[in-house]
Protein backbone atom coordinates (compact mmCIF):
# COMPACT_ATOMS: atom_id res chain seq x y z
CA MET A 1 -35.04 46.67 -156.77
CA LEU A 2 -36.70 45.71 -153.47
CA GLU A 3 -34.93 42.42 -153.24
CA SER A 4 -31.62 44.56 -153.52
CA THR A 5 -32.53 47.15 -150.65
CA ASN A 6 -33.39 44.63 -148.65
CA PHE A 7 -30.32 42.38 -149.27
CA PHE A 8 -28.54 45.49 -148.53
CA LEU A 9 -30.60 46.65 -144.87
CA ARG A 10 -29.86 43.10 -144.01
CA GLY A 11 -25.96 43.51 -144.63
CA ILE A 12 -25.40 46.30 -142.96
CA GLN A 13 -28.06 45.72 -139.97
CA PRO A 14 -25.28 44.31 -137.45
CA LEU A 15 -23.34 47.52 -138.06
CA LEU A 16 -26.55 49.94 -137.35
CA VAL A 17 -26.03 49.42 -133.35
CA PRO A 18 -22.31 50.46 -133.06
CA ILE A 19 -22.38 53.31 -135.73
CA CYS A 20 -25.33 54.86 -133.79
CA PHE A 21 -23.33 54.05 -130.64
CA VAL A 22 -20.62 55.64 -131.51
CA THR A 23 -22.53 58.68 -133.33
CA ALA A 24 -24.16 59.37 -130.41
CA TRP A 25 -21.35 59.69 -127.60
CA THR A 26 -19.38 61.95 -130.28
CA VAL A 27 -22.25 64.24 -130.40
CA ILE A 28 -22.56 64.42 -126.86
CA VAL A 29 -18.75 64.95 -126.48
CA LEU A 30 -18.97 67.94 -128.77
CA PHE A 31 -21.88 69.36 -126.85
CA GLY A 32 -19.74 68.99 -123.41
CA TRP A 33 -16.71 70.45 -125.25
CA SER A 34 -18.31 72.83 -126.67
CA LEU A 35 -20.15 73.69 -123.24
CA TRP A 36 -16.60 73.98 -121.86
CA VAL A 37 -14.77 76.29 -124.38
CA ALA A 38 -17.62 78.74 -123.94
CA ALA A 39 -17.65 78.48 -120.20
CA ARG A 40 -13.65 79.17 -120.23
CA ASP A 41 -14.12 81.87 -123.10
CA SER A 42 -16.52 83.80 -120.45
CA VAL A 43 -14.39 83.34 -117.81
CA HIS A 44 -11.44 84.87 -119.52
CA THR A 45 -13.29 87.90 -121.03
CA ALA A 46 -15.05 88.51 -117.71
CA LYS A 47 -11.34 88.45 -115.48
CA GLN A 48 -10.55 91.06 -118.28
CA MET A 49 -13.41 93.29 -118.45
CA HIS A 50 -13.13 93.14 -114.22
CA GLN A 51 -9.42 94.82 -115.02
CA ILE A 52 -11.19 98.07 -116.19
CA PRO A 53 -10.60 100.58 -113.72
CA CYS A 54 -12.75 103.35 -115.06
CA ALA A 55 -15.59 102.81 -112.44
CA ASN A 56 -13.58 103.80 -109.94
CA CYS A 57 -11.93 106.68 -111.88
CA GLN A 58 -12.48 110.17 -110.82
CA PHE A 59 -12.84 111.53 -114.01
CA PHE A 60 -15.95 108.77 -114.59
CA THR A 61 -19.28 110.32 -114.79
CA ASP A 62 -21.49 107.79 -115.08
CA ASN A 63 -23.29 109.01 -117.36
CA TYR A 64 -23.77 107.49 -120.91
CA ARG A 65 -23.19 110.52 -123.22
CA LEU A 66 -19.74 111.47 -121.74
CA LYS A 67 -18.38 108.36 -119.48
CA CYS A 68 -15.08 109.99 -119.18
CA THR A 69 -14.17 113.94 -119.21
CA VAL A 70 -10.45 113.10 -119.94
CA HIS A 71 -10.75 109.69 -122.50
CA PRO A 72 -14.32 109.66 -123.69
CA SER A 73 -13.49 107.36 -126.72
CA ILE A 74 -11.56 104.63 -124.54
CA ALA A 75 -13.67 105.27 -121.55
CA SER A 76 -15.00 101.38 -120.43
CA THR A 77 -13.16 99.50 -122.80
CA GLU A 78 -10.20 97.08 -122.68
CA GLU A 79 -7.80 100.07 -124.15
CA ALA A 80 -8.62 101.85 -120.36
CA ILE A 81 -6.88 99.09 -118.98
CA ASP A 82 -3.70 100.85 -118.42
CA CYS A 83 -4.90 104.51 -118.56
CA SER A 84 -1.96 107.12 -117.67
CA ASP A 85 -4.71 109.43 -116.35
CA TYR A 86 -6.65 106.99 -113.83
CA GLN A 87 -7.10 108.93 -110.63
CA PRO A 88 -8.72 106.65 -108.04
CA LYS A 89 -11.89 108.16 -106.30
CA THR A 90 -10.61 109.74 -102.95
CA ASN A 91 -14.28 110.18 -101.09
CA PRO A 92 -17.39 108.75 -103.11
CA MET A 93 -19.48 111.04 -101.48
CA LEU A 94 -18.06 113.69 -103.50
CA TYR A 95 -18.91 111.92 -107.12
């Protein structure tokens, strides 16, 4: 039993270095790819969230209980991007 295991290990020993080399580089490339995908998705999400106009609307209250007096259910969400009742703040000192 020990002799057959020893024979098997000596037989695959020349292949271990290339297999480990390819495996290590595959892990590195997959890790880099996952970082790239995460960064790309984060940028896409950030761009979409910056399109939400609620913070500059006169109906936005800055109160966590009632964010918007007109549409409280969609305030500060993606649904508020094309809000028909959006009115820009004309004088920020009044709000």
